[in-house]
Protein backbone atom coordinates (compact mmCIF):
# COMPACT_ATOMS: atom_id res chain seq x y z
CA MET A 1 0.00 0.00 0.00
CA SER A 2 1.06 3.52 -0.65
CA GLY A 3 -0.86 6.57 0.49
CA GLY A 4 -3.93 4.47 1.22
CA ALA A 5 -3.93 2.64 -2.11
CA VAL A 6 -2.92 -0.88 -3.05
CA LEU A 7 -0.21 -0.86 -5.73
CA GLY A 8 0.07 -4.57 -6.36
CA TRP A 9 0.59 -8.03 -4.96
CA ASP A 10 3.76 -9.75 -3.84
CA MET A 11 3.99 -11.82 -7.02
CA ALA A 12 6.78 -14.06 -5.71
CA ALA A 13 4.62 -15.02 -2.74
CA ALA A 14 1.58 -15.56 -4.96
CA LEU A 15 3.63 -17.79 -7.26
CA GLN A 16 4.94 -19.81 -4.31
CA LEU A 17 1.42 -20.20 -2.95
CA GLY A 18 0.18 -21.48 -6.30
CA VAL A 19 3.04 -23.94 -6.58
CA ALA A 20 2.38 -25.13 -3.02
CA LEU A 21 -1.21 -25.76 -4.07
CA GLY A 22 0.03 -27.91 -6.94
CA LEU A 23 -0.52 -25.47 -9.81
CA SER A 24 1.83 -25.22 -12.76
CA PRO A 25 4.19 -22.22 -12.49
CA PHE A 26 3.62 -21.57 -16.22
CA ILE A 27 -0.15 -21.35 -15.73
CA ILE A 28 0.26 -19.17 -12.64
CA ALA A 29 2.58 -16.80 -14.52
CA GLU A 30 0.03 -16.53 -17.33
CA LEU A 31 -3.08 -16.01 -15.22
CA LEU A 32 -1.83 -14.08 -12.20
CA PRO A 33 -1.08 -10.65 -13.77
CA PRO A 34 -4.59 -10.05 -15.17
CA ILE A 35 -6.16 -11.33 -11.94
CA GLU A 36 -3.91 -9.03 -9.91
CA ALA A 37 -4.85 -6.03 -12.05
CA VAL A 38 -8.58 -6.56 -11.48
CA MET A 39 -8.16 -7.24 -7.76
CA VAL A 40 -5.99 -4.16 -7.20
CA ARG A 41 -8.46 -1.96 -9.09
CA LYS A 42 -11.46 -3.34 -7.16
CA THR A 43 -9.66 -3.11 -3.80
CA ASN A 44 -8.76 0.52 -4.45
CA GLN A 45 -12.35 1.27 -5.45
CA GLU A 46 -13.53 -0.20 -2.14
CA ILE A 47 -10.94 1.80 -0.18
CA GLU A 48 -12.07 5.00 -1.92
CA HIS A 49 -15.73 4.16 -1.35
CA HIS A 50 -15.24 3.62 2.38
CA HIS A 51 -12.86 6.54 2.95
CA GLY A 52 -14.35 8.96 0.41
């Protein structure tokens, strides 16, 4: 977070979590960036909504 906004995920941790769950690192690397982008945008919208 920076100034009350989420900038992104810890991608190394997310990759390790996926691997620990048995997912292919190649699939994780392909799918994680677009998922992260949506989640960051939605999280920041919620922060703005609640803190106006």
